[in-house]
Amino acid sequence: MTGNKELFATLSRFEGGNVSFGGGEKGKIIGCGNVGKKLSPIIEDVYLVSGLKHNLLSISQLSDKNFDIVFKSDKCIVSLNKEVIFIAFRRSNVYVFEMDE
């Protein structure tokens, strides 16, 4: 079980440690690249991690790259230079962004 490799515009093999999940479990980092397709924004230096069903974005990593992030009760809005880059809608306790939409 690994995140979706197909969403990566570029992907290189990378063995750089682990990512911790809730509950103390860990997933091994197996790749690093840029995520984005067609008209979607490119997000750089994203890890591909074994043990995940979906790709995850780090809010702190987006913030470090000067993206603005606003959380609402039903969505998360990510913008750059006042231009909305994407909106992730809340499903249960997770904000989901469909890159192909």
PDB file of N, CA and C in Angstrom:
ATOM      1  N   MET A   1       0.855  -1.170   0.000  1.00  0.00           N
ATOM      2  CA  MET A   1       0.000   0.000   0.000  1.00  0.00           C
ATOM      3  C   MET A   1       0.904   1.236   0.000  1.00  0.00           C
ATOM      4  N   THR A   2       0.723   2.056  -0.996  1.00  0.00           N
ATOM      5  CA  THR A   2       1.525   3.270  -1.152  1.00  0.00           C
ATOM      6  C   THR A   2       0.637   4.341  -1.760  1.00  0.00           C
ATOM      7  N   GLY A   3       0.991   5.615  -1.538  1.00  0.00           N
ATOM      8  CA  GLY A   3       0.265   6.714  -2.183  1.00  0.00           C
ATOM      9  C   GLY A   3       0.270   6.547  -3.690  1.00  0.00           C
ATOM     10  N   ASN A   4      -0.455   7.378  -4.408  1.00  0.00           N
ATOM     11  CA  ASN A   4      -0.632   7.279  -5.849  1.00  0.00           C
ATOM     12  C   ASN A   4       0.551   7.878  -6.607  1.00  0.00           C
ATOM     13  N   LYS A   5       1.371   7.033  -7.217  1.00  0.00           N
ATOM     14  CA  LYS A   5       2.528   7.472  -8.000  1.00  0.00           C
ATOM     15  C   LYS A   5       2.106   8.260  -9.240  1.00  0.00           C
ATOM     16  N   GLU A   6       0.913   7.987  -9.751  1.00  0.00           N
ATOM     17  CA  GLU A   6       0.445   8.616 -10.990  1.00  0.00           C
ATOM     18  C   GLU A   6       0.256  10.124 -10.853  1.00  0.00           C
ATOM     19  N   LEU A   7       0.112  10.640  -9.637  1.00  0.00           N
ATOM     20  CA  LEU A   7      -0.087  12.076  -9.440  1.00  0.00           C
ATOM     21  C   LEU A   7       1.219  12.865  -9.448  1.00  0.00           C
ATOM     22  N   PHE A   8       2.342  12.162  -9.494  1.00  0.00           N
ATOM     23  CA  PHE A   8       3.635  12.829  -9.513  1.00  0.00           C
ATOM     24  C   PHE A   8       4.005  13.227 -10.938  1.00  0.00           C
ATOM     25  N   ALA A   9       4.382  14.491 -11.126  1.00  0.00           N
ATOM     26  CA  ALA A   9       4.898  14.942 -12.418  1.00  0.00           C
ATOM     27  C   ALA A   9       6.320  14.423 -12.589  1.00  0.00           C
ATOM     28  N   THR A  10       7.090  14.399 -11.503  1.00  0.00           N
ATOM     29  CA  THR A  10       8.425  13.794 -11.468  1.00  0.00           C
ATOM     30  C   THR A  10       8.530  13.002 -10.176  1.00  0.00           C
ATOM     31  N   LEU A  11       9.280  11.933 -10.213  1.00  0.00           N
ATOM     32  CA  LEU A  11       9.456  11.104  -9.014  1.00  0.00           C
ATOM     33  C   LEU A  11      10.799  10.401  -9.092  1.00  0.00           C
ATOM     34  N   SER A  12      11.588  10.525  -8.040  1.00  0.00           N
ATOM     35  CA  SER A  12      12.877   9.853  -7.946  1.00  0.00           C
ATOM     36  C   SER A  12      12.873   8.947  -6.727  1.00  0.00           C
ATOM     37  N   ARG A  13      13.575   7.836  -6.846  1.00  0.00           N
ATOM     38  CA  ARG A  13      13.719   6.931  -5.703  1.00  0.00           C
ATOM     39  C   ARG A  13      14.456   7.684  -4.599  1.00  0.00           C
ATOM     40  N   PHE A  14      13.964   7.542  -3.376  1.00  0.00           N
ATOM     41  CA  PHE A  14      14.533   8.276  -2.251  1.00  0.00           C
ATOM     42  C   PHE A  14      14.342   7.447  -1.000  1.00  0.00           C
ATOM     43  N   GLU A  15      15.416   7.165  -0.328  1.00  0.00           N
ATOM     44  CA  GLU A  15      15.308   6.436   0.927  1.00  0.00           C
ATOM     45  C   GLU A  15      15.835   7.356   2.005  1.00  0.00           C
ATOM     46  N   GLY A  16      14.912   8.074   2.654  1.00  0.00           N
ATOM     47  CA  GLY A  16      15.328   9.101   3.589  1.00  0.00           C
ATOM     48  C   GLY A  16      14.663   9.035   4.934  1.00  0.00           C
ATOM     49  N   GLY A  17      14.362   7.866   5.401  1.00  0.00           N
ATOM     50  CA  GLY A  17      13.798   7.773   6.731  1.00  0.00           C
ATOM     51  C   GLY A  17      12.328   7.424   6.731  1.00  0.00           C
ATOM     52  N   ASN A  18      11.639   7.889   7.772  1.00  0.00           N
ATOM     53  CA  ASN A  18      10.248   7.523   7.987  1.00  0.00           C
ATOM     54  C   ASN A  18       9.396   8.752   8.273  1.00  0.00           C
ATOM     55  N   VAL A  19       8.092   8.575   8.106  1.00  0.00           N
ATOM     56  CA  VAL A  19       7.095   9.571   8.471  1.00  0.00           C
ATOM     57  C   VAL A  19       6.227   8.946   9.551  1.00  0.00           C
ATOM     58  N   SER A  20       5.948   9.691  10.621  1.00  0.00           N
ATOM     59  CA  SER A  20       5.122   9.175  11.711  1.00  0.00           C
ATOM     60  C   SER A  20       3.656   9.495  11.469  1.00  0.00           C
ATOM     61  N   PHE A  21       2.803   8.518  11.727  1.00  0.00           N
ATOM     62  CA  PHE A  21       1.359   8.677  11.618  1.00  0.00           C
ATOM     63  C   PHE A  21       0.775   8.733  13.019  1.00  0.00           C
ATOM     64  N   GLY A  22      -0.502   9.080  13.098  1.00  0.00           N
ATOM     65  CA  GLY A  22      -1.200   9.018  14.373  1.00  0.00           C
ATOM     66  C   GLY A  22      -1.172   7.593  14.899  1.00  0.00           C
ATOM     67  N   GLY A  23      -1.095   7.441  16.209  1.00  0.00           N
ATOM     68  CA  GLY A  23      -1.049   6.123  16.807  1.00  0.00           C
ATOM     69  C   GLY A  23       0.358   5.562  16.912  1.00  0.00           C
ATOM     70  N   GLY A  24       1.367   6.359  16.501  1.00  0.00           N
ATOM     71  CA  GLY A  24       2.750   5.933  16.633  1.00  0.00           C
ATOM     72  C   GLY A  24       3.284   5.074  15.503  1.00  0.00           C
ATOM     73  N   GLU A  25       2.449   4.777  14.488  1.00  0.00           N
ATOM     74  CA  GLU A  25       2.920   3.984  13.358  1.00  0.00           C
ATOM     75  C   GLU A  25       3.807   4.830  12.453  1.00  0.00           C
ATOM     76  N   LYS A  26       4.648   4.157  11.658  1.00  0.00           N
ATOM     77  CA  LYS A  26       5.551   4.861  10.757  1.00  0.00           C
ATOM     78  C   LYS A  26       5.463   4.276   9.358  1.00  0.00           C
ATOM     79  N   GLY A  27       5.718   5.129   8.362  1.00  0.00           N
ATOM     80  CA  GLY A  27       5.784   4.696   6.981  1.00  0.00           C
ATOM     81  C   GLY A  27       7.131   5.087   6.407  1.00  0.00           C
ATOM     82  N   LYS A  28       7.696   4.231   5.588  1.00  0.00           N
ATOM     83  CA  LYS A  28       9.012   4.464   5.007  1.00  0.00           C
ATOM     84  C   LYS A  28       8.893   5.383   3.788  1.00  0.00           C
ATOM     85  N   ILE A  29       9.762   6.398   3.719  1.00  0.00           N
ATOM     86  CA  ILE A  29       9.825   7.279   2.551  1.00  0.00           C
ATOM     87  C   ILE A  29      10.536   6.510   1.442  1.00  0.00           C
ATOM     88  N   ILE A  30       9.866   6.338   0.285  1.00  0.00           N
ATOM     89  CA  ILE A  30      10.439   5.554  -0.804  1.00  0.00           C
ATOM     90  C   ILE A  30      10.659   6.372  -2.072  1.00  0.00           C
ATOM     91  N   GLY A  31      10.208   7.630  -2.079  1.00  0.00           N
ATOM     92  CA  GLY A  31      10.405   8.466  -3.248  1.00  0.00           C
ATOM     93  C   GLY A  31      10.190   9.929  -2.916  1.00  0.00           C
ATOM     94  N   CYS A  32      10.673  10.801  -3.794  1.00  0.00           N
ATOM     95  CA  CYS A  32      10.499  12.242  -3.630  1.00  0.00           C
ATOM     96  C   CYS A  32      10.357  12.856  -5.015  1.00  0.00           C
ATOM     97  N   GLY A  33       9.444  13.808  -5.141  1.00  0.00           N
ATOM     98  CA  GLY A  33       9.252  14.435  -6.447  1.00  0.00           C
ATOM     99  C   GLY A  33       8.302  15.597  -6.376  1.00  0.00           C
ATOM    100  N   ASN A  34       7.811  15.981  -7.555  1.00  0.00           N
ATOM    101  CA  ASN A  34       6.867  17.078  -7.696  1.00  0.00           C
ATOM    102  C   ASN A  34       5.504  16.519  -8.049  1.00  0.00           C
ATOM    103  N   VAL A  35       4.474  17.017  -7.388  1.00  0.00           N
ATOM    104  CA  VAL A  35       3.111  16.559  -7.621  1.00  0.00           C
ATOM    105  C   VAL A  35       2.359  17.621  -8.395  1.00  0.00           C
ATOM    106  N   GLY A  36       1.595  17.180  -9.379  1.00  0.00           N
ATOM    107  CA  GLY A  36       0.774  18.085 -10.171  1.00  0.00           C
ATOM    108  C   GLY A  36       0.585  17.529 -11.565  1.00  0.00           C
ATOM    109  N   LYS A  37      -0.572  17.760 -12.125  1.00  0.00           N
ATOM    110  CA  LYS A  37      -0.875  17.287 -13.468  1.00  0.00           C
ATOM    111  C   LYS A  37      -1.652  18.352 -14.218  1.00  0.00           C
ATOM    112  N   LYS A  38      -1.442  18.435 -15.496  1.00  0.00           N
ATOM    113  CA  LYS A  38      -2.172  19.310 -16.408  1.00  0.00           C
ATOM    114  C   LYS A  38      -2.313  20.715 -15.851  1.00  0.00           C
ATOM    115  N   LEU A  39      -3.517  21.111 -15.475  1.00  0.00           N
ATOM    116  CA  LEU A  39      -3.779  22.481 -15.030  1.00  0.00           C
ATOM    117  C   LEU A  39      -3.611  22.684 -13.534  1.00  0.00           C
ATOM    118  N   SER A  40      -3.297  21.624 -12.806  1.00  0.00           N
ATOM    119  CA  SER A  40      -3.138  21.769 -11.360  1.00  0.00           C
ATOM    120  C   SER A  40      -1.768  22.365 -11.043  1.00  0.00           C
ATOM    121  N   PRO A  41      -1.638  22.979  -9.870  1.00  0.00           N
ATOM    122  CA  PRO A  41      -0.343  23.561  -9.497  1.00  0.00           C
ATOM    123  C   PRO A  41       0.694  22.476  -9.230  1.00  0.00           C
ATOM    124  N   ILE A  42       1.962  22.821  -9.409  1.00  0.00           N
ATOM    125  CA  ILE A  42       3.047  21.909  -9.076  1.00  0.00           C
ATOM    126  C   ILE A  42       3.476  22.186  -7.637  1.00  0.00           C
ATOM    127  N   ILE A  43       3.521  21.148  -6.845  1.00  0.00           N
ATOM    128  CA  ILE A  43       3.996  21.255  -5.470  1.00  0.00           C
ATOM    129  C   ILE A  43       5.267  20.414  -5.392  1.00  0.00           C
ATOM    130  N   GLU A  44       6.362  21.067  -5.013  1.00  0.00           N
ATOM    131  CA  GLU A  44       7.686  20.449  -5.064  1.00  0.00           C
ATOM    132  C   GLU A  44       8.046  19.721  -3.767  1.00  0.00           C
ATOM    133  N   ASP A  45       8.983  18.792  -3.901  1.00  0.00           N
ATOM    134  CA  ASP A  45       9.573  18.069  -2.767  1.00  0.00           C
ATOM    135  C   ASP A  45       8.533  17.323  -1.931  1.00  0.00           C
ATOM    136  N   VAL A  46       7.686  16.560  -2.609  1.00  0.00           N
ATOM    137  CA  VAL A  46       6.656  15.755  -1.954  1.00  0.00           C
ATOM    138  C   VAL A  46       7.172  14.335  -1.806  1.00  0.00           C
ATOM    139  N   TYR A  47       6.983  13.744  -0.640  1.00  0.00           N
ATOM    140  CA  TYR A  47       7.439  12.376  -0.388  1.00  0.00           C
ATOM    141  C   TYR A  47       6.375  11.360  -0.785  1.00  0.00           C
ATOM    142  N   LEU A  48       6.827  10.257  -1.345  1.00  0.00           N
ATOM    143  CA  LEU A  48       5.992   9.083  -1.555  1.00  0.00           C
ATOM    144  C   LEU A  48       6.295   8.145  -0.391  1.00  0.00           C
ATOM    145  N   VAL A  49       5.264   7.779   0.352  1.00  0.00           N
ATOM    146  CA  VAL A  49       5.443   7.034   1.601  1.00  0.00           C
ATOM    147  C   VAL A  49       4.690   5.710   1.532  1.00  0.00           C
ATOM    148  N   SER A  50       5.387   4.632   1.880  1.00  0.00           N
ATOM    149  CA  SER A  50       4.707   3.336   1.953  1.00  0.00           C
ATOM    150  C   SER A  50       3.827   3.324   3.193  1.00  0.00           C
ATOM    151  N   GLY A  51       2.746   2.607   3.137  1.00  0.00           N
ATOM    152  CA  GLY A  51       1.847   2.523   4.283  1.00  0.00           C
ATOM    153  C   GLY A  51       0.693   3.499   4.216  1.00  0.00           C
ATOM    154  N   LEU A  52       0.629   4.312   3.155  1.00  0.00           N
ATOM    155  CA  LEU A  52      -0.479   5.260   3.004  1.00  0.00           C
ATOM    156  C   LEU A  52      -1.390   4.830   1.861  1.00  0.00           C
ATOM    157  N   LYS A  53      -2.678   5.025   2.035  1.00  0.00           N
ATOM    158  CA  LYS A  53      -3.633   4.760   0.959  1.00  0.00           C
ATOM    159  C   LYS A  53      -3.743   5.952   0.014  1.00  0.00           C
ATOM    160  N   HIS A  54      -3.435   7.152   0.525  1.00  0.00           N
ATOM    161  CA  HIS A  54      -3.576   8.382  -0.247  1.00  0.00           C
ATOM    162  C   HIS A  54      -2.322   9.226  -0.097  1.00  0.00           C
ATOM    163  N   ASN A  55      -2.129  10.138  -1.018  1.00  0.00           N
ATOM    164  CA  ASN A  55      -1.039  11.099  -0.876  1.00  0.00           C
ATOM    165  C   ASN A  55      -1.469  12.172   0.114  1.00  0.00           C
ATOM    166  N   LEU A  56      -0.539  12.621   0.937  1.00  0.00           N
ATOM    167  CA  LEU A  56      -0.821  13.650   1.927  1.00  0.00           C
ATOM    168  C   LEU A  56       0.052  14.871   1.660  1.00  0.00           C
ATOM    169  N   LEU A  57      -0.498  16.043   1.917  1.00  0.00           N
ATOM    170  CA  LEU A  57       0.276  17.278   1.828  1.00  0.00           C
ATOM    171  C   LEU A  57       0.510  17.806   3.230  1.00  0.00           C
ATOM    172  N   SER A  58       1.689  18.277   3.478  1.00  0.00           N
ATOM    173  CA  SER A  58       2.033  18.855   4.765  1.00  0.00           C
ATOM    174  C   SER A  58       1.687  20.340   4.760  1.00  0.00           C
ATOM    175  N   ILE A  59       0.847  20.754   5.694  1.00  0.00           N
ATOM    176  CA  ILE A  59       0.480  22.168   5.804  1.00  0.00           C
ATOM    177  C   ILE A  59       1.708  23.010   6.105  1.00  0.00           C
ATOM    178  N   SER A  60       2.581  22.536   6.974  1.00  0.00           N
ATOM    179  CA  SER A  60       3.780  23.314   7.297  1.00  0.00           C
ATOM    180  C   SER A  60       4.689  23.449   6.081  1.00  0.00           C
ATOM    181  N   GLN A  61       4.767  22.423   5.245  1.00  0.00           N
ATOM    182  CA  GLN A  61       5.593  22.512   4.044  1.00  0.00           C
ATOM    183  C   GLN A  61       4.998  23.523   3.061  1.00  0.00           C
ATOM    184  N   LEU A  62       3.680  23.542   2.915  1.00  0.00           N
ATOM    185  CA  LEU A  62       3.040  24.540   2.044  1.00  0.00           C
ATOM    186  C   LEU A  62       3.280  25.946   2.582  1.00  0.00           C
ATOM    187  N   SER A  63       3.151  26.105   3.881  1.00  0.00           N
ATOM    188  CA  SER A  63       3.378  27.404   4.506  1.00  0.00           C
ATOM    189  C   SER A  63       4.825  27.868   4.316  1.00  0.00           C
ATOM    190  N   ASP A  64       5.781  26.951   4.450  1.00  0.00           N
ATOM    191  CA  ASP A  64       7.193  27.283   4.250  1.00  0.00           C
ATOM    192  C   ASP A  64       7.475  27.766   2.830  1.00  0.00           C
ATOM    193  N   LYS A  65       6.636  27.354   1.877  1.00  0.00           N
ATOM    194  CA  LYS A  65       6.805  27.763   0.482  1.00  0.00           C
ATOM    195  C   LYS A  65       5.917  28.967   0.144  1.00  0.00           C
ATOM    196  N   ASN A  66       5.475  29.683   1.206  1.00  0.00           N
ATOM    197  CA  ASN A  66       4.713  30.933   1.089  1.00  0.00           C
ATOM    198  C   ASN A  66       3.283  30.779   0.575  1.00  0.00           C
ATOM    199  N   PHE A  67       2.717  29.571   0.646  1.00  0.00           N
ATOM    200  CA  PHE A  67       1.296  29.419   0.363  1.00  0.00           C
ATOM    201  C   PHE A  67       0.534  29.934   1.573  1.00  0.00           C
ATOM    202  N   ASP A  68      -0.623  30.537   1.351  1.00  0.00           N
ATOM    203  CA  ASP A  68      -1.520  30.941   2.433  1.00  0.00           C
ATOM    204  C   ASP A  68      -2.579  29.856   2.576  1.00  0.00           C
ATOM    205  N   ILE A  69      -2.847  29.439   3.806  1.00  0.00           N
ATOM    206  CA  ILE A  69      -3.794  28.369   4.074  1.00  0.00           C
ATOM    207  C   ILE A  69      -4.850  28.880   5.038  1.00  0.00           C
ATOM    208  N   VAL A  70      -6.124  28.747   4.636  1.00  0.00           N
ATOM    209  CA  VAL A  70      -7.235  29.167   5.482  1.00  0.00           C
ATOM    210  C   VAL A  70      -8.163  27.967   5.669  1.00  0.00           C
ATOM    211  N   PHE A  71      -8.397  27.614   6.933  1.00  0.00           N
ATOM    212  CA  PHE A  71      -9.304  26.513   7.238  1.00  0.00           C
ATOM    213  C   PHE A  71     -10.667  27.058   7.609  1.00  0.00           C
ATOM    214  N   LYS A  72     -11.700  26.495   7.008  1.00  0.00           N
ATOM    215  CA  LYS A  72     -13.099  26.754   7.349  1.00  0.00           C
ATOM    216  C   LYS A  72     -13.673  25.435   7.855  1.00  0.00           C
ATOM    217  N   SER A  73     -14.895  25.463   8.359  1.00  0.00           N
ATOM    218  CA  SER A  73     -15.473  24.229   8.895  1.00  0.00           C
ATOM    219  C   SER A  73     -15.685  23.168   7.815  1.00  0.00           C
ATOM    220  N   ASP A  74     -15.870  23.576   6.555  1.00  0.00           N
ATOM    221  CA  ASP A  74     -16.157  22.623   5.488  1.00  0.00           C
ATOM    222  C   ASP A  74     -15.097  22.546   4.402  1.00  0.00           C
ATOM    223  N   LYS A  75     -14.056  23.408   4.478  1.00  0.00           N
ATOM    224  CA  LYS A  75     -13.052  23.401   3.422  1.00  0.00           C
ATOM    225  C   LYS A  75     -11.756  24.059   3.893  1.00  0.00           C
ATOM    226  N   CYS A  76     -10.714  23.830   3.113  1.00  0.00           N
ATOM    227  CA  CYS A  76      -9.407  24.447   3.319  1.00  0.00           C
ATOM    228  C   CYS A  76      -9.046  25.126   1.997  1.00  0.00           C
ATOM    229  N   ILE A  77      -8.716  26.402   2.058  1.00  0.00           N
ATOM    230  CA  ILE A  77      -8.408  27.179   0.859  1.00  0.00           C
ATOM    231  C   ILE A  77      -6.906  27.466   0.856  1.00  0.00           C
ATOM    232  N   VAL A  78      -6.241  27.073  -0.229  1.00  0.00           N
ATOM    233  CA  VAL A  78      -4.801  27.291  -0.369  1.00  0.00           C
ATOM    234  C   VAL A  78      -4.587  28.279  -1.506  1.00  0.00           C
ATOM    235  N   SER A  79      -3.869  29.362  -1.195  1.00  0.00           N
ATOM    236  CA  SER A  79      -3.630  30.397  -2.202  1.00  0.00           C
ATOM    237  C   SER A  79      -2.163  30.809  -2.203  1.00  0.00           C
ATOM    238  N   LEU A  80      -1.777  31.476  -3.278  1.00  0.00           N
ATOM    239  CA  LEU A  80      -0.427  31.997  -3.427  1.00  0.00           C
ATOM    240  C   LEU A  80      -0.544  33.351  -4.108  1.00  0.00           C
ATOM    241  N   ASN A  81       0.000  34.376  -3.473  1.00  0.00           N
ATOM    242  CA  ASN A  81      -0.102  35.745  -4.001  1.00  0.00           C
ATOM    243  C   ASN A  81      -1.558  36.140  -4.274  1.00  0.00           C
ATOM    244  N   LYS A  82      -2.431  35.786  -3.348  1.00  0.00           N
ATOM    245  CA  LYS A  82      -3.868  36.106  -3.380  1.00  0.00           C
ATOM    246  C   LYS A  82      -4.648  35.373  -4.472  1.00  0.00           C
ATOM    247  N   GLU A  83      -4.007  34.434  -5.174  1.00  0.00           N
ATOM    248  CA  GLU A  83      -4.697  33.621  -6.175  1.00  0.00           C
ATOM    249  C   GLU A  83      -4.965  32.244  -5.585  1.00  0.00           C
ATOM    250  N   VAL A  84      -6.239  31.810  -5.603  1.00  0.00           N
ATOM    251  CA  VAL A  84      -6.595  30.497  -5.069  1.00  0.00           C
ATOM    252  C   VAL A  84      -5.963  29.420  -5.950  1.00  0.00           C
ATOM    253  N   ILE A  85      -5.188  28.557  -5.318  1.00  0.00           N
ATOM    254  CA  ILE A  85      -4.524  27.469  -6.028  1.00  0.00           C
ATOM    255  C   ILE A  85      -5.400  26.220  -6.025  1.00  0.00           C
ATOM    256  N   PHE A  86      -5.937  25.876  -4.852  1.00  0.00           N
ATOM    257  CA  PHE A  86      -6.898  24.781  -4.768  1.00  0.00           C
ATOM    258  C   PHE A  86      -7.711  24.897  -3.495  1.00  0.00           C
ATOM    259  N   ILE A  87      -8.852  24.199  -3.502  1.00  0.00           N
ATOM    260  CA  ILE A  87      -9.726  24.108  -2.338  1.00  0.00           C
ATOM    261  C   ILE A  87      -9.884  22.630  -2.010  1.00  0.00           C
ATOM    262  N   ALA A  88      -9.635  22.281  -0.763  1.00  0.00           N
ATOM    263  CA  ALA A  88      -9.821  20.910  -0.290  1.00  0.00           C
ATOM    264  C   ALA A  88     -11.072  20.885   0.586  1.00  0.00           C
ATOM    265  N   PHE A  89     -12.010  20.021   0.259  1.00  0.00           N
ATOM    266  CA  PHE A  89     -13.259  19.940   1.005  1.00  0.00           C
ATOM    267  C   PHE A  89     -13.154  18.909   2.119  1.00  0.00           C
ATOM    268  N   ARG A  90     -13.781  19.217   3.235  1.00  0.00           N
ATOM    269  CA  ARG A  90     -13.709  18.356   4.414  1.00  0.00           C
ATOM    270  C   ARG A  90     -14.629  17.162   4.254  1.00  0.00           C
ATOM    271  N   ARG A  91     -14.050  15.981   4.483  1.00  0.00           N
ATOM    272  CA  ARG A  91     -14.785  14.718   4.508  1.00  0.00           C
ATOM    273  C   ARG A  91     -14.423  14.045   5.823  1.00  0.00           C
ATOM    274  N   SER A  92     -15.383  13.978   6.715  1.00  0.00           N
ATOM    275  CA  SER A  92     -15.141  13.526   8.096  1.00  0.00           C
ATOM    276  C   SER A  92     -14.119  14.462   8.712  1.00  0.00           C
ATOM    277  N   ASN A  93     -12.962  13.977   9.126  1.00  0.00           N
ATOM    278  CA  ASN A  93     -11.949  14.831   9.732  1.00  0.00           C
ATOM    279  C   ASN A  93     -10.743  15.043   8.837  1.00  0.00           C
ATOM    280  N   VAL A  94     -10.926  14.878   7.516  1.00  0.00           N
ATOM    281  CA  VAL A  94      -9.833  15.015   6.562  1.00  0.00           C
ATOM    282  C   VAL A  94     -10.256  15.984   5.466  1.00  0.00           C
ATOM    283  N   TYR A  95      -9.348  16.867   5.081  1.00  0.00           N
ATOM    284  CA  TYR A  95      -9.588  17.778   3.954  1.00  0.00           C
ATOM    285  C   TYR A  95      -9.053  17.111   2.703  1.00  0.00           C
ATOM    286  N   VAL A  96      -9.930  16.908   1.712  1.00  0.00           N
ATOM    287  CA  VAL A  96      -9.591  16.139   0.513  1.00  0.00           C
ATOM    288  C   VAL A  96      -9.546  17.047  -0.696  1.00  0.00           C
ATOM    289  N   PHE A  97      -8.449  16.940  -1.440  1.00  0.00           N
ATOM    290  CA  PHE A  97      -8.254  17.699  -2.674  1.00  0.00           C
ATOM    291  C   PHE A  97      -8.087  16.698  -3.812  1.00  0.00           C
ATOM    292  N   GLU A  98      -8.981  16.750  -4.792  1.00  0.00           N
ATOM    293  CA  GLU A  98      -8.903  15.859  -5.946  1.00  0.00           C
ATOM    294  C   GLU A  98      -8.134  16.584  -7.044  1.00  0.00           C
ATOM    295  N   MET A  99      -6.902  16.154  -7.313  1.00  0.00           N
ATOM    296  CA  MET A  99      -6.045  16.852  -8.281  1.00  0.00           C
ATOM    297  C   MET A  99      -6.580  16.782  -9.694  1.00  0.00           C
ATOM    298  N   ASP A 100      -7.322  15.755 -10.033  1.00  0.00           N
ATOM    299  CA  ASP A 100      -7.795  15.602 -11.404  1.00  0.00           C
ATOM    300  C   ASP A 100      -9.038  16.427 -11.704  1.00  0.00           C
ATOM    301  N   GLU A 101      -9.628  17.056 -10.684  1.00  0.00           N
ATOM    302  CA  GLU A 101     -10.855  17.829 -10.907  1.00  0.00           C
ATOM    303  C   GLU A 101     -10.536  19.265 -11.213  1.00  0.00           C
TER     304      GLU A 101
END
